Amino acid sequence: MMVDKTSPPPHIPSPISQFYFQVTVGAENLRFQEVSGLIADHPTIDDRAGQLSGLSHLKLPSPPKHDNIVLKRGVIAADSAVLDWLPDNLMTAIKTKDLTIALLDDMGKPMWVWQVKRAFPVRMMISDRQPNSNEVAIDSFEIAHGGMTIENV
């Protein structure tokens, strides 16, 4: 059996390294390499329902608890309104916004989409390394929120 050594091997994309996240805030689309905190925890409450056998100890669902979302390693335009969102919230009343976070594949198509409700920034770390004068590199951007839904695209 002859093997054709002149043809390049077929391209097999890495299942992890090709992913990135697009975050939509209002009309702005931002890109980040990593996002954490996209989970909801549904704790339970222990309830005693008297001394009846089998009913003496019940577990009841409590409202979901959401972790803060942390966006990491992104680059945004220097004139982006998102850069003013955190200082505005520190100086005045909290301004919440709805966000869309999409996990994109290596072709830029959404694979999973999270709709985040009533989000507001709580911390932003801007990198010392700036890509150019028109962009700002973000090391991390932490966002609190009031709930989210997830959809498989």
Foldseek 3Di string as FASTA:
>chain_A
DDDDPPDDDDDDDDPQQLKWKWKDFPNDTWIFRDKDQPDKDWAWDWDADDDDPPRRTDTHTDDIDGDKMKGFWIKDFPPDCVVVQQVVVVVDPHDFTWMKMFIAGNVRDGFKIKIFARKGWDDWAWDPDAPDPGMTITGMTIIDGDDMDMDGD
